[in-house]
């Protein structure tokens, strides 16, 4: 992402120390839950993502597209 210039920095973001000791005392590290799946997709779909990413990161890009779809269709 850094090579593509997709990373950004918010200049007004808080520094870690500015959040205070009380915040850090209660903070928890949580990793997203992931599932390993076997998925059959059409070869033209797979080939599209491989060509779009230059062969590296195609599975990550597929996940990003699926997450965007879920976000767009999520009903609360």
PDB file of N, CA and C in Angstrom:
ATOM      1  N   UNK A   1       0.821  -1.185   0.000  1.00  0.00           N
ATOM      2  CA  UNK A   1       0.000   0.000   0.000  1.00  0.00           C
ATOM      3  C   UNK A   1       0.870   1.255   0.000  1.00  0.00           C
ATOM      4  N   UNK A   2       1.979   1.201   0.708  1.00  0.00           N
ATOM      5  CA  UNK A   2       2.849   2.356   0.766  1.00  0.00           C
ATOM      6  C   UNK A   2       3.420   2.663  -0.618  1.00  0.00           C
ATOM      7  N   UNK A   3       3.805   1.628  -1.367  1.00  0.00           N
ATOM      8  CA  UNK A   3       4.356   1.817  -2.698  1.00  0.00           C
ATOM      9  C   UNK A   3       3.338   2.451  -3.646  1.00  0.00           C
ATOM     10  N   UNK A   4       2.055   2.132  -3.449  1.00  0.00           N
ATOM     11  CA  UNK A   4       0.998   2.666  -4.299  1.00  0.00           C
ATOM     12  C   UNK A   4       0.540   4.050  -3.835  1.00  0.00           C
ATOM     13  N   UNK A   5       1.048   4.505  -2.702  1.00  0.00           N
ATOM     14  CA  UNK A   5       0.640   5.806  -2.186  1.00  0.00           C
ATOM     15  C   UNK A   5      -0.741   5.782  -1.560  1.00  0.00           C
ATOM     16  N   UNK A   6      -1.196   4.605  -1.123  1.00  0.00           N
ATOM     17  CA  UNK A   6      -2.527   4.468  -0.550  1.00  0.00           C
ATOM     18  C   UNK A   6      -2.552   4.711   0.954  1.00  0.00           C
ATOM     19  N   UNK A   7      -1.390   4.856   1.577  1.00  0.00           N
ATOM     20  CA  UNK A   7      -1.340   5.153   2.995  1.00  0.00           C
ATOM     21  C   UNK A   7      -1.452   6.650   3.178  1.00  0.00           C
ATOM     22  N   UNK A   8      -2.131   7.064   4.227  1.00  0.00           N
ATOM     23  CA  UNK A   8      -2.245   8.485   4.486  1.00  0.00           C
ATOM     24  C   UNK A   8      -2.019   8.754   5.959  1.00  0.00           C
ATOM     25  N   UNK A   9      -1.685   9.967   6.261  1.00  0.00           N
ATOM     26  CA  UNK A   9      -1.419  10.375   7.633  1.00  0.00           C
ATOM     27  C   UNK A   9      -2.308  11.568   7.945  1.00  0.00           C
ATOM     28  N   UNK A  10      -3.001  11.511   9.056  1.00  0.00           N
ATOM     29  CA  UNK A  10      -3.815  12.622   9.501  1.00  0.00           C
ATOM     30  C   UNK A  10      -2.971  13.473  10.437  1.00  0.00           C
ATOM     31  N   UNK A  11      -2.630  14.687  10.041  1.00  0.00           N
ATOM     32  CA  UNK A  11      -1.740  15.517  10.861  1.00  0.00           C
ATOM     33  C   UNK A  11      -2.292  15.842  12.246  1.00  0.00           C
ATOM     34  N   UNK A  12      -3.613  15.887  12.397  1.00  0.00           N
ATOM     35  CA  UNK A  12      -4.194  16.236  13.689  1.00  0.00           C
ATOM     36  C   UNK A  12      -4.525  15.017  14.554  1.00  0.00           C
ATOM     37  N   UNK A  13      -4.051  13.832  14.166  1.00  0.00           N
ATOM     38  CA  UNK A  13      -4.307  12.619  14.957  1.00  0.00           C
ATOM     39  C   UNK A  13      -3.552  12.687  16.285  1.00  0.00           C
ATOM     40  N   UNK A  14      -4.176  12.131  17.331  1.00  0.00           N
ATOM     41  CA  UNK A  14      -3.551  12.129  18.651  1.00  0.00           C
ATOM     42  C   UNK A  14      -2.319  11.245  18.675  1.00  0.00           C
ATOM     43  N   UNK A  15      -1.330  11.661  19.410  1.00  0.00           N
ATOM     44  CA  UNK A  15      -0.163  10.829  19.661  1.00  0.00           C
ATOM     45  C   UNK A  15      -0.543   9.878  20.793  1.00  0.00           C
ATOM     46  N   UNK A  16       0.154   8.768  20.906  1.00  0.00           N
ATOM     47  CA  UNK A  16      -0.159   7.783  21.939  1.00  0.00           C
ATOM     48  C   UNK A  16      -0.162   8.351  23.343  1.00  0.00           C
ATOM     49  N   UNK A  17       0.821   9.151  23.664  1.00  0.00           N
ATOM     50  CA  UNK A  17       0.922   9.693  25.014  1.00  0.00           C
ATOM     51  C   UNK A  17      -0.242  10.615  25.333  1.00  0.00           C
ATOM     52  N   UNK A  18      -0.802  11.316  24.345  1.00  0.00           N
ATOM     53  CA  UNK A  18      -1.887  12.268  24.574  1.00  0.00           C
ATOM     54  C   UNK A  18      -3.177  11.571  25.008  1.00  0.00           C
ATOM     55  N   UNK A  19      -3.259  10.287  24.816  1.00  0.00           N
ATOM     56  CA  UNK A  19      -4.464   9.562  25.177  1.00  0.00           C
ATOM     57  C   UNK A  19      -4.552   9.309  26.680  1.00  0.00           C
ATOM     58  N   UNK A  20      -3.467   9.396  27.366  1.00  0.00           N
ATOM     59  CA  UNK A  20      -3.486   9.283  28.820  1.00  0.00           C
ATOM     60  C   UNK A  20      -3.341   7.866  29.329  1.00  0.00           C
ATOM     61  N   UNK A  21      -2.886   7.761  30.569  1.00  0.00           N
ATOM     62  CA  UNK A  21      -2.634   6.466  31.206  1.00  0.00           C
ATOM     63  C   UNK A  21      -3.923   5.677  31.411  1.00  0.00           C
ATOM     64  N   UNK A  22      -5.017   6.370  31.716  1.00  0.00           N
ATOM     65  CA  UNK A  22      -6.294   5.678  31.944  1.00  0.00           C
ATOM     66  C   UNK A  22      -6.755   4.947  30.679  1.00  0.00           C
ATOM     67  N   UNK A  23      -6.596   5.594  29.535  1.00  0.00           N
ATOM     68  CA  UNK A  23      -6.948   4.952  28.270  1.00  0.00           C
ATOM     69  C   UNK A  23      -6.126   3.687  28.060  1.00  0.00           C
ATOM     70  N   UNK A  24      -4.805   3.808  28.215  1.00  0.00           N
ATOM     71  CA  UNK A  24      -3.911   2.676  27.959  1.00  0.00           C
ATOM     72  C   UNK A  24      -4.090   1.566  28.981  1.00  0.00           C
ATOM     73  N   UNK A  25      -4.529   1.892  30.189  1.00  0.00           N
ATOM     74  CA  UNK A  25      -4.770   0.863  31.202  1.00  0.00           C
ATOM     75  C   UNK A  25      -5.951  -0.025  30.813  1.00  0.00           C
ATOM     76  N   UNK A  26      -6.906   0.539  30.087  1.00  0.00           N
ATOM     77  CA  UNK A  26      -8.114  -0.204  29.685  1.00  0.00           C
ATOM     78  C   UNK A  26      -8.032  -0.755  28.264  1.00  0.00           C
ATOM     79  N   UNK A  27      -7.006  -0.364  27.521  1.00  0.00           N
ATOM     80  CA  UNK A  27      -6.899  -0.753  26.113  1.00  0.00           C
ATOM     81  C   UNK A  27      -6.668  -2.255  25.969  1.00  0.00           C
ATOM     82  N   UNK A  28      -7.295  -2.826  24.943  1.00  0.00           N
ATOM     83  CA  UNK A  28      -7.128  -4.247  24.640  1.00  0.00           C
ATOM     84  C   UNK A  28      -6.748  -4.394  23.174  1.00  0.00           C
ATOM     85  N   UNK A  29      -5.852  -5.298  22.885  1.00  0.00           N
ATOM     86  CA  UNK A  29      -5.474  -5.600  21.520  1.00  0.00           C
ATOM     87  C   UNK A  29      -6.394  -6.705  21.007  1.00  0.00           C
ATOM     88  N   UNK A  30      -7.102  -6.408  19.928  1.00  0.00           N
ATOM     89  CA  UNK A  30      -8.006  -7.394  19.347  1.00  0.00           C
ATOM     90  C   UNK A  30      -7.680  -7.550  17.874  1.00  0.00           C
ATOM     91  N   UNK A  31      -7.530  -8.784  17.452  1.00  0.00           N
ATOM     92  CA  UNK A  31      -7.280  -9.077  16.046  1.00  0.00           C
ATOM     93  C   UNK A  31      -8.594  -9.447  15.386  1.00  0.00           C
ATOM     94  N   UNK A  32      -8.761  -9.078  14.122  1.00  0.00           N
ATOM     95  CA  UNK A  32      -9.990  -9.472  13.433  1.00  0.00           C
ATOM     96  C   UNK A  32     -10.062 -10.989  13.298  1.00  0.00           C
ATOM     97  N   UNK A  33     -11.246 -11.520  13.421  1.00  0.00           N
ATOM     98  CA  UNK A  33     -11.453 -12.953  13.255  1.00  0.00           C
ATOM     99  C   UNK A  33     -11.471 -13.278  11.771  1.00  0.00           C
ATOM    100  N   UNK A  34     -10.742 -14.283  11.396  1.00  0.00           N
ATOM    101  CA  UNK A  34     -10.702 -14.690   9.995  1.00  0.00           C
ATOM    102  C   UNK A  34     -11.018 -16.171   9.898  1.00  0.00           C
ATOM    103  N   UNK A  35     -11.602 -16.543   8.770  1.00  0.00           N
ATOM    104  CA  UNK A  35     -11.901 -17.948   8.500  1.00  0.00           C
ATOM    105  C   UNK A  35     -11.199 -18.341   7.215  1.00  0.00           C
ATOM    106  N   UNK A  36     -10.668 -19.526   7.222  1.00  0.00           N
ATOM    107  CA  UNK A  36     -10.074 -20.073   6.013  1.00  0.00           C
ATOM    108  C   UNK A  36     -11.171 -20.801   5.248  1.00  0.00           C
ATOM    109  N   UNK A  37     -11.320 -20.456   3.965  1.00  0.00           N
ATOM    110  CA  UNK A  37     -12.365 -21.089   3.157  1.00  0.00           C
ATOM    111  C   UNK A  37     -11.785 -21.559   1.833  1.00  0.00           C
ATOM    112  N   UNK A  38     -12.445 -22.500   1.260  1.00  0.00           N
ATOM    113  CA  UNK A  38     -12.121 -22.948  -0.088  1.00  0.00           C
ATOM    114  C   UNK A  38     -13.212 -22.385  -0.981  1.00  0.00           C
ATOM    115  N   UNK A  39     -12.826 -21.627  -1.992  1.00  0.00           N
ATOM    116  CA  UNK A  39     -13.795 -20.935  -2.829  1.00  0.00           C
ATOM    117  C   UNK A  39     -13.480 -21.181  -4.290  1.00  0.00           C
ATOM    118  N   UNK A  40     -14.460 -21.660  -5.014  1.00  0.00           N
ATOM    119  CA  UNK A  40     -14.287 -21.814  -6.456  1.00  0.00           C
ATOM    120  C   UNK A  40     -14.869 -20.578  -7.127  1.00  0.00           C
ATOM    121  N   UNK A  41     -14.038 -19.925  -7.938  1.00  0.00           N
ATOM    122  CA  UNK A  41     -14.496 -18.760  -8.683  1.00  0.00           C
ATOM    123  C   UNK A  41     -14.154 -18.950 -10.156  1.00  0.00           C
ATOM    124  N   UNK A  42     -14.851 -18.221 -10.993  1.00  0.00           N
ATOM    125  CA  UNK A  42     -14.583 -18.299 -12.424  1.00  0.00           C
ATOM    126  C   UNK A  42     -13.173 -17.807 -12.709  1.00  0.00           C
ATOM    127  N   UNK A  43     -12.532 -18.438 -13.669  1.00  0.00           N
ATOM    128  CA  UNK A  43     -11.150 -18.090 -13.968  1.00  0.00           C
ATOM    129  C   UNK A  43     -11.007 -16.645 -14.420  1.00  0.00           C
ATOM    130  N   UNK A  44     -12.010 -16.099 -15.115  1.00  0.00           N
ATOM    131  CA  UNK A  44     -11.883 -14.703 -15.545  1.00  0.00           C
ATOM    132  C   UNK A  44     -11.923 -13.731 -14.365  1.00  0.00           C
ATOM    133  N   UNK A  45     -12.622 -14.093 -13.298  1.00  0.00           N
ATOM    134  CA  UNK A  45     -12.637 -13.262 -12.090  1.00  0.00           C
ATOM    135  C   UNK A  45     -11.263 -13.323 -11.423  1.00  0.00           C
ATOM    136  N   UNK A  46     -10.750 -14.516 -11.253  1.00  0.00           N
ATOM    137  CA  UNK A  46      -9.426 -14.684 -10.651  1.00  0.00           C
ATOM    138  C   UNK A  46      -8.364 -13.969 -11.479  1.00  0.00           C
ATOM    139  N   UNK A  47      -8.388 -14.170 -12.784  1.00  0.00           N
ATOM    140  CA  UNK A  47      -7.403 -13.550 -13.670  1.00  0.00           C
ATOM    141  C   UNK A  47      -7.480 -12.029 -13.610  1.00  0.00           C
ATOM    142  N   UNK A  48      -8.678 -11.487 -13.473  1.00  0.00           N
ATOM    143  CA  UNK A  48      -8.842 -10.034 -13.371  1.00  0.00           C
ATOM    144  C   UNK A  48      -8.096  -9.492 -12.153  1.00  0.00           C
ATOM    145  N   UNK A  49      -8.303 -10.109 -10.987  1.00  0.00           N
ATOM    146  CA  UNK A  49      -7.647  -9.617  -9.777  1.00  0.00           C
ATOM    147  C   UNK A  49      -6.136  -9.805  -9.824  1.00  0.00           C
ATOM    148  N   UNK A  50      -5.682 -10.891 -10.411  1.00  0.00           N
ATOM    149  CA  UNK A  50      -4.242 -11.108 -10.557  1.00  0.00           C
ATOM    150  C   UNK A  50      -3.654 -10.033 -11.465  1.00  0.00           C
ATOM    151  N   UNK A  51      -4.330  -9.728 -12.558  1.00  0.00           N
ATOM    152  CA  UNK A  51      -3.804  -8.708 -13.480  1.00  0.00           C
ATOM    153  C   UNK A  51      -3.867  -7.315 -12.870  1.00  0.00           C
ATOM    154  N   UNK A  52      -4.890  -7.031 -12.089  1.00  0.00           N
ATOM    155  CA  UNK A  52      -5.027  -5.721 -11.450  1.00  0.00           C
ATOM    156  C   UNK A  52      -3.951  -5.468 -10.400  1.00  0.00           C
ATOM    157  N   UNK A  53      -3.488  -6.523  -9.771  1.00  0.00           N
ATOM    158  CA  UNK A  53      -2.510  -6.371  -8.687  1.00  0.00           C
ATOM    159  C   UNK A  53      -1.098  -6.742  -9.115  1.00  0.00           C
ATOM    160  N   UNK A  54      -0.931  -7.135 -10.332  1.00  0.00           N
ATOM    161  CA  UNK A  54       0.386  -7.558 -10.786  1.00  0.00           C
ATOM    162  C   UNK A  54       0.784  -8.903 -10.224  1.00  0.00           C
ATOM    163  N   UNK A  55      -0.192  -9.667  -9.757  1.00  0.00           N
ATOM    164  CA  UNK A  55       0.071 -11.010  -9.250  1.00  0.00           C
ATOM    165  C   UNK A  55       0.347 -11.080  -7.767  1.00  0.00           C
ATOM    166  N   UNK A  56       0.540  -9.943  -7.134  1.00  0.00           N
ATOM    167  CA  UNK A  56       0.806  -9.950  -5.700  1.00  0.00           C
ATOM    168  C   UNK A  56      -0.307  -9.162  -4.997  1.00  0.00           C
ATOM    169  N   UNK A  57      -0.936  -9.789  -4.019  1.00  0.00           N
ATOM    170  CA  UNK A  57      -1.993  -9.103  -3.281  1.00  0.00           C
ATOM    171  C   UNK A  57      -3.378  -9.293  -3.856  1.00  0.00           C
ATOM    172  N   UNK A  58      -3.517 -10.220  -4.790  1.00  0.00           N
ATOM    173  CA  UNK A  58      -4.828 -10.411  -5.407  1.00  0.00           C
ATOM    174  C   UNK A  58      -5.877 -10.920  -4.418  1.00  0.00           C
ATOM    175  N   UNK A  59      -5.494 -11.764  -3.478  1.00  0.00           N
ATOM    176  CA  UNK A  59      -6.462 -12.255  -2.497  1.00  0.00           C
ATOM    177  C   UNK A  59      -6.875 -11.143  -1.529  1.00  0.00           C
ATOM    178  N   UNK A  60      -5.931 -10.299  -1.174  1.00  0.00           N
ATOM    179  CA  UNK A  60      -6.250  -9.152  -0.318  1.00  0.00           C
ATOM    180  C   UNK A  60      -7.214  -8.225  -1.035  1.00  0.00           C
ATOM    181  N   UNK A  61      -6.970  -7.993  -2.312  1.00  0.00           N
ATOM    182  CA  UNK A  61      -7.857  -7.113  -3.085  1.00  0.00           C
ATOM    183  C   UNK A  61      -9.248  -7.715  -3.199  1.00  0.00           C
ATOM    184  N   UNK A  62      -9.338  -9.026  -3.390  1.00  0.00           N
ATOM    185  CA  UNK A  62     -10.648  -9.683  -3.437  1.00  0.00           C
ATOM    186  C   UNK A  62     -11.390  -9.460  -2.123  1.00  0.00           C
ATOM    187  N   UNK A  63     -10.671  -9.591  -1.012  1.00  0.00           N
ATOM    188  CA  UNK A  63     -11.293  -9.389   0.298  1.00  0.00           C
ATOM    189  C   UNK A  63     -11.780  -7.950   0.444  1.00  0.00           C
ATOM    190  N   UNK A  64     -10.998  -6.981  -0.027  1.00  0.00           N
ATOM    191  CA  UNK A  64     -11.398  -5.579   0.052  1.00  0.00           C
ATOM    192  C   UNK A  64     -12.687  -5.333  -0.724  1.00  0.00           C
ATOM    193  N   UNK A  65     -12.793  -5.931  -1.883  1.00  0.00           N
ATOM    194  CA  UNK A  65     -13.996  -5.781  -2.704  1.00  0.00           C
ATOM    195  C   UNK A  65     -15.194  -6.403  -1.990  1.00  0.00           C
ATOM    196  N   UNK A  66     -15.000  -7.583  -1.418  1.00  0.00           N
ATOM    197  CA  UNK A  66     -16.098  -8.234  -0.700  1.00  0.00           C
ATOM    198  C   UNK A  66     -16.516  -7.434   0.528  1.00  0.00           C
ATOM    199  N   UNK A  67     -15.551  -6.876   1.263  1.00  0.00           N
ATOM    200  CA  UNK A  67     -15.877  -6.050   2.429  1.00  0.00           C
ATOM    201  C   UNK A  67     -16.644  -4.800   2.018  1.00  0.00           C
ATOM    202  N   UNK A  68     -16.253  -4.186   0.913  1.00  0.00           N
ATOM    203  CA  UNK A  68     -16.958  -3.001   0.417  1.00  0.00           C
ATOM    204  C   UNK A  68     -18.388  -3.351   0.045  1.00  0.00           C
ATOM    205  N   UNK A  69     -18.577  -4.516  -0.561  1.00  0.00           N
ATOM    206  CA  UNK A  69     -19.925  -4.969  -0.915  1.00  0.00           C
ATOM    207  C   UNK A  69     -20.777  -5.150   0.334  1.00  0.00           C
ATOM    208  N   UNK A  70     -20.202  -5.804   1.344  1.00  0.00           N
ATOM    209  CA  UNK A  70     -20.928  -6.022   2.603  1.00  0.00           C
ATOM    210  C   UNK A  70     -21.294  -4.691   3.239  1.00  0.00           C
ATOM    211  N   UNK A  71     -20.349  -3.762   3.283  1.00  0.00           N
ATOM    212  CA  UNK A  71     -20.604  -2.453   3.879  1.00  0.00           C
ATOM    213  C   UNK A  71     -21.707  -1.709   3.143  1.00  0.00           C
ATOM    214  N   UNK A  72     -21.715  -1.820   1.833  1.00  0.00           N
ATOM    215  CA  UNK A  72     -22.725  -1.126   1.017  1.00  0.00           C
ATOM    216  C   UNK A  72     -24.107  -1.738   1.165  1.00  0.00           C
ATOM    217  N   UNK A  73     -24.158  -3.009   1.507  1.00  0.00           N
ATOM    218  CA  UNK A  73     -25.443  -3.714   1.589  1.00  0.00           C
ATOM    219  C   UNK A  73     -25.862  -4.055   3.009  1.00  0.00           C
ATOM    220  N   UNK A  74     -25.057  -3.631   3.991  1.00  0.00           N
ATOM    221  CA  UNK A  74     -25.365  -3.934   5.384  1.00  0.00           C
ATOM    222  C   UNK A  74     -26.592  -3.140   5.820  1.00  0.00           C
ATOM    223  N   UNK A  75     -27.526  -3.812   6.372  1.00  0.00           N
ATOM    224  CA  UNK A  75     -28.744  -3.164   6.857  1.00  0.00           C
ATOM    225  C   UNK A  75     -28.761  -3.245   8.387  1.00  0.00           C
ATOM    226  N   UNK A  76     -28.942  -2.102   8.993  1.00  0.00           N
ATOM    227  CA  UNK A  76     -28.961  -2.058  10.453  1.00  0.00           C
ATOM    228  C   UNK A  76     -30.361  -2.179  10.989  1.00  0.00           C
TER     229      UNK A  76
END
